[in-house]
């Protein structure tokens, strides 16, 4: 499991956008978003940099936790 700190997520739309962005790279990825904690947990074989790039393309600031 990889954990990322993601700034700027505020609502359900943000959750869907981040989830879809990661799953576009790996359809089998499990994505858990914690809005209050501003964290995203990803269960996937993708490298962290690829997950970060997908999240950043959606307009969010992201880094490995």
PDB file of N, CA and C in Angstrom:
ATOM      1  N   UNK A   1       0.845  -1.184   0.000  1.00  0.00           N
ATOM      2  CA  UNK A   1       0.000   0.000   0.000  1.00  0.00           C
ATOM      3  C   UNK A   1       0.886   1.242   0.000  1.00  0.00           C
ATOM      4  N   UNK A   2       0.516   2.197  -0.808  1.00  0.00           N
ATOM      5  CA  UNK A   2       1.220   3.471  -0.873  1.00  0.00           C
ATOM      6  C   UNK A   2       0.309   4.548  -0.293  1.00  0.00           C
ATOM      7  N   UNK A   3       0.905   5.495   0.428  1.00  0.00           N
ATOM      8  CA  UNK A   3       0.132   6.580   1.034  1.00  0.00           C
ATOM      9  C   UNK A   3       0.667   7.901   0.506  1.00  0.00           C
ATOM     10  N   UNK A   4      -0.262   8.767   0.106  1.00  0.00           N
ATOM     11  CA  UNK A   4       0.094  10.070  -0.451  1.00  0.00           C
ATOM     12  C   UNK A   4      -0.635  11.170   0.299  1.00  0.00           C
ATOM     13  N   UNK A   5       0.042  12.265   0.538  1.00  0.00           N
ATOM     14  CA  UNK A   5      -0.590  13.463   1.071  1.00  0.00           C
ATOM     15  C   UNK A   5      -1.057  14.272  -0.129  1.00  0.00           C
ATOM     16  N   UNK A   6      -2.344  14.590  -0.165  1.00  0.00           N
ATOM     17  CA  UNK A   6      -2.920  15.296  -1.303  1.00  0.00           C
ATOM     18  C   UNK A   6      -3.660  16.525  -0.802  1.00  0.00           C
ATOM     19  N   UNK A   7      -3.226  17.686  -1.220  1.00  0.00           N
ATOM     20  CA  UNK A   7      -3.836  18.947  -0.799  1.00  0.00           C
ATOM     21  C   UNK A   7      -4.906  19.376  -1.795  1.00  0.00           C
ATOM     22  N   UNK A   8      -5.970  19.965  -1.283  1.00  0.00           N
ATOM     23  CA  UNK A   8      -6.995  20.552  -2.137  1.00  0.00           C
ATOM     24  C   UNK A   8      -8.241  19.716  -2.308  1.00  0.00           C
ATOM     25  N   UNK A   9      -8.286  18.527  -1.730  1.00  0.00           N
ATOM     26  CA  UNK A   9      -9.494  17.705  -1.840  1.00  0.00           C
ATOM     27  C   UNK A   9     -10.511  18.186  -0.809  1.00  0.00           C
ATOM     28  N   UNK A  10     -11.731  18.472  -1.268  1.00  0.00           N
ATOM     29  CA  UNK A  10     -12.725  19.024  -0.352  1.00  0.00           C
ATOM     30  C   UNK A  10     -14.086  18.326  -0.386  1.00  0.00           C
ATOM     31  N   UNK A  11     -14.333  17.498  -1.412  1.00  0.00           N
ATOM     32  CA  UNK A  11     -15.695  16.965  -1.555  1.00  0.00           C
ATOM     33  C   UNK A  11     -15.701  15.620  -2.277  1.00  0.00           C
ATOM     34  N   UNK A  12     -16.893  15.101  -2.457  1.00  0.00           N
ATOM     35  CA  UNK A  12     -17.061  13.831  -3.150  1.00  0.00           C
ATOM     36  C   UNK A  12     -16.559  13.866  -4.584  1.00  0.00           C
ATOM     37  N   UNK A  13     -16.699  15.009  -5.232  1.00  0.00           N
ATOM     38  CA  UNK A  13     -16.194  15.136  -6.602  1.00  0.00           C
ATOM     39  C   UNK A  13     -14.684  14.940  -6.622  1.00  0.00           C
ATOM     40  N   UNK A  14     -14.006  15.483  -5.626  1.00  0.00           N
ATOM     41  CA  UNK A  14     -12.549  15.330  -5.526  1.00  0.00           C
ATOM     42  C   UNK A  14     -12.182  13.856  -5.356  1.00  0.00           C
ATOM     43  N   UNK A  15     -12.929  13.164  -4.514  1.00  0.00           N
ATOM     44  CA  UNK A  15     -12.695  11.739  -4.288  1.00  0.00           C
ATOM     45  C   UNK A  15     -12.820  10.976  -5.606  1.00  0.00           C
ATOM     46  N   UNK A  16     -13.886  11.243  -6.339  1.00  0.00           N
ATOM     47  CA  UNK A  16     -14.104  10.563  -7.619  1.00  0.00           C
ATOM     48  C   UNK A  16     -13.009  10.896  -8.625  1.00  0.00           C
ATOM     49  N   UNK A  17     -12.605  12.159  -8.673  1.00  0.00           N
ATOM     50  CA  UNK A  17     -11.586  12.574  -9.637  1.00  0.00           C
ATOM     51  C   UNK A  17     -10.263  11.873  -9.371  1.00  0.00           C
ATOM     52  N   UNK A  18      -9.857  11.827  -8.107  1.00  0.00           N
ATOM     53  CA  UNK A  18      -8.594  11.177  -7.751  1.00  0.00           C
ATOM     54  C   UNK A  18      -8.685   9.677  -7.997  1.00  0.00           C
ATOM     55  N   UNK A  19      -9.793   9.083  -7.600  1.00  0.00           N
ATOM     56  CA  UNK A  19      -9.970   7.636  -7.797  1.00  0.00           C
ATOM     57  C   UNK A  19      -9.916   7.290  -9.275  1.00  0.00           C
ATOM     58  N   UNK A  20     -10.644   8.034 -10.095  1.00  0.00           N
ATOM     59  CA  UNK A  20     -10.660   7.767 -11.540  1.00  0.00           C
ATOM     60  C   UNK A  20      -9.284   7.962 -12.171  1.00  0.00           C
ATOM     61  N   UNK A  21      -8.557   8.969 -11.708  1.00  0.00           N
ATOM     62  CA  UNK A  21      -7.228   9.242 -12.266  1.00  0.00           C
ATOM     63  C   UNK A  21      -6.286   8.067 -12.017  1.00  0.00           C
ATOM     64  N   UNK A  22      -6.323   7.532 -10.808  1.00  0.00           N
ATOM     65  CA  UNK A  22      -5.452   6.393 -10.485  1.00  0.00           C
ATOM     66  C   UNK A  22      -5.921   5.141 -11.234  1.00  0.00           C
ATOM     67  N   UNK A  23      -7.217   4.915 -11.252  1.00  0.00           N
ATOM     68  CA  UNK A  23      -7.733   3.715 -11.907  1.00  0.00           C
ATOM     69  C   UNK A  23      -7.612   3.776 -13.424  1.00  0.00           C
ATOM     70  N   UNK A  24      -7.417   4.949 -13.982  1.00  0.00           N
ATOM     71  CA  UNK A  24      -7.150   5.052 -15.414  1.00  0.00           C
ATOM     72  C   UNK A  24      -5.774   4.472 -15.733  1.00  0.00           C
ATOM     73  N   UNK A  25      -4.879   4.510 -14.755  1.00  0.00           N
ATOM     74  CA  UNK A  25      -3.540   3.958 -14.919  1.00  0.00           C
ATOM     75  C   UNK A  25      -3.512   2.466 -14.577  1.00  0.00           C
ATOM     76  N   UNK A  26      -4.344   2.055 -13.625  1.00  0.00           N
ATOM     77  CA  UNK A  26      -4.441   0.657 -13.192  1.00  0.00           C
ATOM     78  C   UNK A  26      -5.892   0.402 -12.797  1.00  0.00           C
ATOM     79  N   UNK A  27      -6.629  -0.251 -13.682  1.00  0.00           N
ATOM     80  CA  UNK A  27      -8.062  -0.470 -13.455  1.00  0.00           C
ATOM     81  C   UNK A  27      -8.339  -1.291 -12.198  1.00  0.00           C
ATOM     82  N   UNK A  28      -7.382  -2.087 -11.749  1.00  0.00           N
ATOM     83  CA  UNK A  28      -7.564  -2.930 -10.575  1.00  0.00           C
ATOM     84  C   UNK A  28      -7.154  -2.239  -9.275  1.00  0.00           C
ATOM     85  N   UNK A  29      -6.646  -1.030  -9.364  1.00  0.00           N
ATOM     86  CA  UNK A  29      -6.165  -0.322  -8.172  1.00  0.00           C
ATOM     87  C   UNK A  29      -7.307  -0.084  -7.186  1.00  0.00           C
ATOM     88  N   UNK A  30      -7.006  -0.254  -5.908  1.00  0.00           N
ATOM     89  CA  UNK A  30      -7.951   0.082  -4.852  1.00  0.00           C
ATOM     90  C   UNK A  30      -7.499   1.422  -4.294  1.00  0.00           C
ATOM     91  N   UNK A  31      -8.412   2.380  -4.278  1.00  0.00           N
ATOM     92  CA  UNK A  31      -8.093   3.736  -3.848  1.00  0.00           C
ATOM     93  C   UNK A  31      -8.977   4.102  -2.668  1.00  0.00           C
ATOM     94  N   UNK A  32      -8.358   4.527  -1.567  1.00  0.00           N
ATOM     95  CA  UNK A  32      -9.085   4.963  -0.385  1.00  0.00           C
ATOM     96  C   UNK A  32      -8.711   6.419  -0.126  1.00  0.00           C
ATOM     97  N   UNK A  33      -9.717   7.287  -0.082  1.00  0.00           N
ATOM     98  CA  UNK A  33      -9.475   8.710   0.117  1.00  0.00           C
ATOM     99  C   UNK A  33      -9.975   9.135   1.490  1.00  0.00           C
ATOM    100  N   UNK A  34      -9.114   9.818   2.232  1.00  0.00           N
ATOM    101  CA  UNK A  34      -9.455  10.369   3.542  1.00  0.00           C
ATOM    102  C   UNK A  34      -9.467  11.891   3.394  1.00  0.00           C
ATOM    103  N   UNK A  35     -10.663  12.451   3.169  1.00  0.00           N
ATOM    104  CA  UNK A  35     -10.766  13.899   2.957  1.00  0.00           C
ATOM    105  C   UNK A  35     -10.265  14.686   4.166  1.00  0.00           C
ATOM    106  N   UNK A  36     -10.677  14.275   5.358  1.00  0.00           N
ATOM    107  CA  UNK A  36     -10.290  15.010   6.564  1.00  0.00           C
ATOM    108  C   UNK A  36      -8.780  14.992   6.756  1.00  0.00           C
ATOM    109  N   UNK A  37      -8.159  13.864   6.488  1.00  0.00           N
ATOM    110  CA  UNK A  37      -6.718  13.733   6.670  1.00  0.00           C
ATOM    111  C   UNK A  37      -5.911  14.139   5.455  1.00  0.00           C
ATOM    112  N   UNK A  38      -6.622  14.459   4.353  1.00  0.00           N
ATOM    113  CA  UNK A  38      -5.969  14.843   3.103  1.00  0.00           C
ATOM    114  C   UNK A  38      -4.969  13.785   2.640  1.00  0.00           C
ATOM    115  N   UNK A  39      -5.389  12.511   2.757  1.00  0.00           N
ATOM    116  CA  UNK A  39      -4.530  11.413   2.336  1.00  0.00           C
ATOM    117  C   UNK A  39      -5.257  10.493   1.368  1.00  0.00           C
ATOM    118  N   UNK A  40      -4.459   9.894   0.496  1.00  0.00           N
ATOM    119  CA  UNK A  40      -4.958   8.891  -0.439  1.00  0.00           C
ATOM    120  C   UNK A  40      -4.097   7.647  -0.262  1.00  0.00           C
ATOM    121  N   UNK A  41      -4.756   6.502  -0.050  1.00  0.00           N
ATOM    122  CA  UNK A  41      -4.054   5.229   0.058  1.00  0.00           C
ATOM    123  C   UNK A  41      -4.362   4.427  -1.205  1.00  0.00           C
ATOM    124  N   UNK A  42      -3.322   3.911  -1.816  1.00  0.00           N
ATOM    125  CA  UNK A  42      -3.480   3.200  -3.081  1.00  0.00           C
ATOM    126  C   UNK A  42      -2.880   1.804  -2.956  1.00  0.00           C
ATOM    127  N   UNK A  43      -3.682   0.804  -3.281  1.00  0.00           N
ATOM    128  CA  UNK A  43      -3.224  -0.582  -3.360  1.00  0.00           C
ATOM    129  C   UNK A  43      -3.085  -0.888  -4.847  1.00  0.00           C
ATOM    130  N   UNK A  44      -1.840  -0.893  -5.337  1.00  0.00           N
ATOM    131  CA  UNK A  44      -1.602  -1.081  -6.761  1.00  0.00           C
ATOM    132  C   UNK A  44      -0.136  -1.434  -6.971  1.00  0.00           C
ATOM    133  N   UNK A  45       0.143  -1.996  -8.115  1.00  0.00           N
ATOM    134  CA  UNK A  45       1.517  -2.294  -8.486  1.00  0.00           C
ATOM    135  C   UNK A  45       2.194  -1.130  -9.192  1.00  0.00           C
ATOM    136  N   UNK A  46       1.477  -0.028  -9.343  1.00  0.00           N
ATOM    137  CA  UNK A  46       2.055   1.139 -10.023  1.00  0.00           C
ATOM    138  C   UNK A  46       3.173   1.750  -9.189  1.00  0.00           C
ATOM    139  N   UNK A  47       4.201   2.279  -9.859  1.00  0.00           N
ATOM    140  CA  UNK A  47       5.225   3.012  -9.108  1.00  0.00           C
ATOM    141  C   UNK A  47       4.632   4.304  -8.531  1.00  0.00           C
ATOM    142  N   UNK A  48       5.160   4.735  -7.406  1.00  0.00           N
ATOM    143  CA  UNK A  48       4.645   5.929  -6.731  1.00  0.00           C
ATOM    144  C   UNK A  48       4.644   7.136  -7.655  1.00  0.00           C
ATOM    145  N   UNK A  49       5.676   7.296  -8.468  1.00  0.00           N
ATOM    146  CA  UNK A  49       5.744   8.463  -9.354  1.00  0.00           C
ATOM    147  C   UNK A  49       4.603   8.480 -10.367  1.00  0.00           C
ATOM    148  N   UNK A  50       4.174   7.315 -10.807  1.00  0.00           N
ATOM    149  CA  UNK A  50       3.066   7.253 -11.766  1.00  0.00           C
ATOM    150  C   UNK A  50       1.755   7.634 -11.087  1.00  0.00           C
ATOM    151  N   UNK A  51       1.569   7.197  -9.848  1.00  0.00           N
ATOM    152  CA  UNK A  51       0.368   7.563  -9.095  1.00  0.00           C
ATOM    153  C   UNK A  51       0.371   9.073  -8.838  1.00  0.00           C
ATOM    154  N   UNK A  52       1.515   9.602  -8.420  1.00  0.00           N
ATOM    155  CA  UNK A  52       1.622  11.047  -8.176  1.00  0.00           C
ATOM    156  C   UNK A  52       1.297  11.833  -9.436  1.00  0.00           C
ATOM    157  N   UNK A  53       1.814  11.408 -10.558  1.00  0.00           N
ATOM    158  CA  UNK A  53       1.565  12.110 -11.823  1.00  0.00           C
ATOM    159  C   UNK A  53       0.077  12.118 -12.153  1.00  0.00           C
ATOM    160  N   UNK A  54      -0.596  10.993 -11.936  1.00  0.00           N
ATOM    161  CA  UNK A  54      -2.033  10.908 -12.228  1.00  0.00           C
ATOM    162  C   UNK A  54      -2.820  11.863 -11.335  1.00  0.00           C
ATOM    163  N   UNK A  55      -2.460  11.920 -10.056  1.00  0.00           N
ATOM    164  CA  UNK A  55      -3.165  12.810  -9.123  1.00  0.00           C
ATOM    165  C   UNK A  55      -2.879  14.269  -9.481  1.00  0.00           C
ATOM    166  N   UNK A  56      -1.641  14.575  -9.783  1.00  0.00           N
ATOM    167  CA  UNK A  56      -1.263  15.952 -10.121  1.00  0.00           C
ATOM    168  C   UNK A  56      -1.928  16.422 -11.403  1.00  0.00           C
ATOM    169  N   UNK A  57      -2.145  15.513 -12.346  1.00  0.00           N
ATOM    170  CA  UNK A  57      -2.831  15.876 -13.597  1.00  0.00           C
ATOM    171  C   UNK A  57      -4.255  16.328 -13.332  1.00  0.00           C
ATOM    172  N   UNK A  58      -4.831  15.902 -12.217  1.00  0.00           N
ATOM    173  CA  UNK A  58      -6.181  16.327 -11.847  1.00  0.00           C
ATOM    174  C   UNK A  58      -6.163  17.698 -11.150  1.00  0.00           C
ATOM    175  N   UNK A  59      -4.975  18.234 -10.917  1.00  0.00           N
ATOM    176  CA  UNK A  59      -4.867  19.571 -10.349  1.00  0.00           C
ATOM    177  C   UNK A  59      -4.618  19.625  -8.858  1.00  0.00           C
ATOM    178  N   UNK A  60      -4.256  18.499  -8.264  1.00  0.00           N
ATOM    179  CA  UNK A  60      -4.000  18.457  -6.823  1.00  0.00           C
ATOM    180  C   UNK A  60      -2.505  18.413  -6.544  1.00  0.00           C
ATOM    181  N   UNK A  61      -2.111  19.043  -5.439  1.00  0.00           N
ATOM    182  CA  UNK A  61      -0.733  18.940  -4.965  1.00  0.00           C
ATOM    183  C   UNK A  61      -0.622  17.592  -4.255  1.00  0.00           C
ATOM    184  N   UNK A  62       0.372  16.805  -4.629  1.00  0.00           N
ATOM    185  CA  UNK A  62       0.505  15.488  -4.026  1.00  0.00           C
ATOM    186  C   UNK A  62       1.972  15.155  -3.782  1.00  0.00           C
ATOM    187  N   UNK A  63       2.192  14.405  -2.704  1.00  0.00           N
ATOM    188  CA  UNK A  63       3.528  13.918  -2.400  1.00  0.00           C
ATOM    189  C   UNK A  63       3.411  12.622  -1.629  1.00  0.00           C
ATOM    190  N   UNK A  64       4.477  11.839  -1.620  1.00  0.00           N
ATOM    191  CA  UNK A  64       4.484  10.588  -0.871  1.00  0.00           C
ATOM    192  C   UNK A  64       4.462  10.930   0.619  1.00  0.00           C
ATOM    193  N   UNK A  65       3.603  10.265   1.363  1.00  0.00           N
ATOM    194  CA  UNK A  65       3.482  10.528   2.807  1.00  0.00           C
ATOM    195  C   UNK A  65       4.651   9.928   3.558  1.00  0.00           C
TER     196      UNK A  65
END
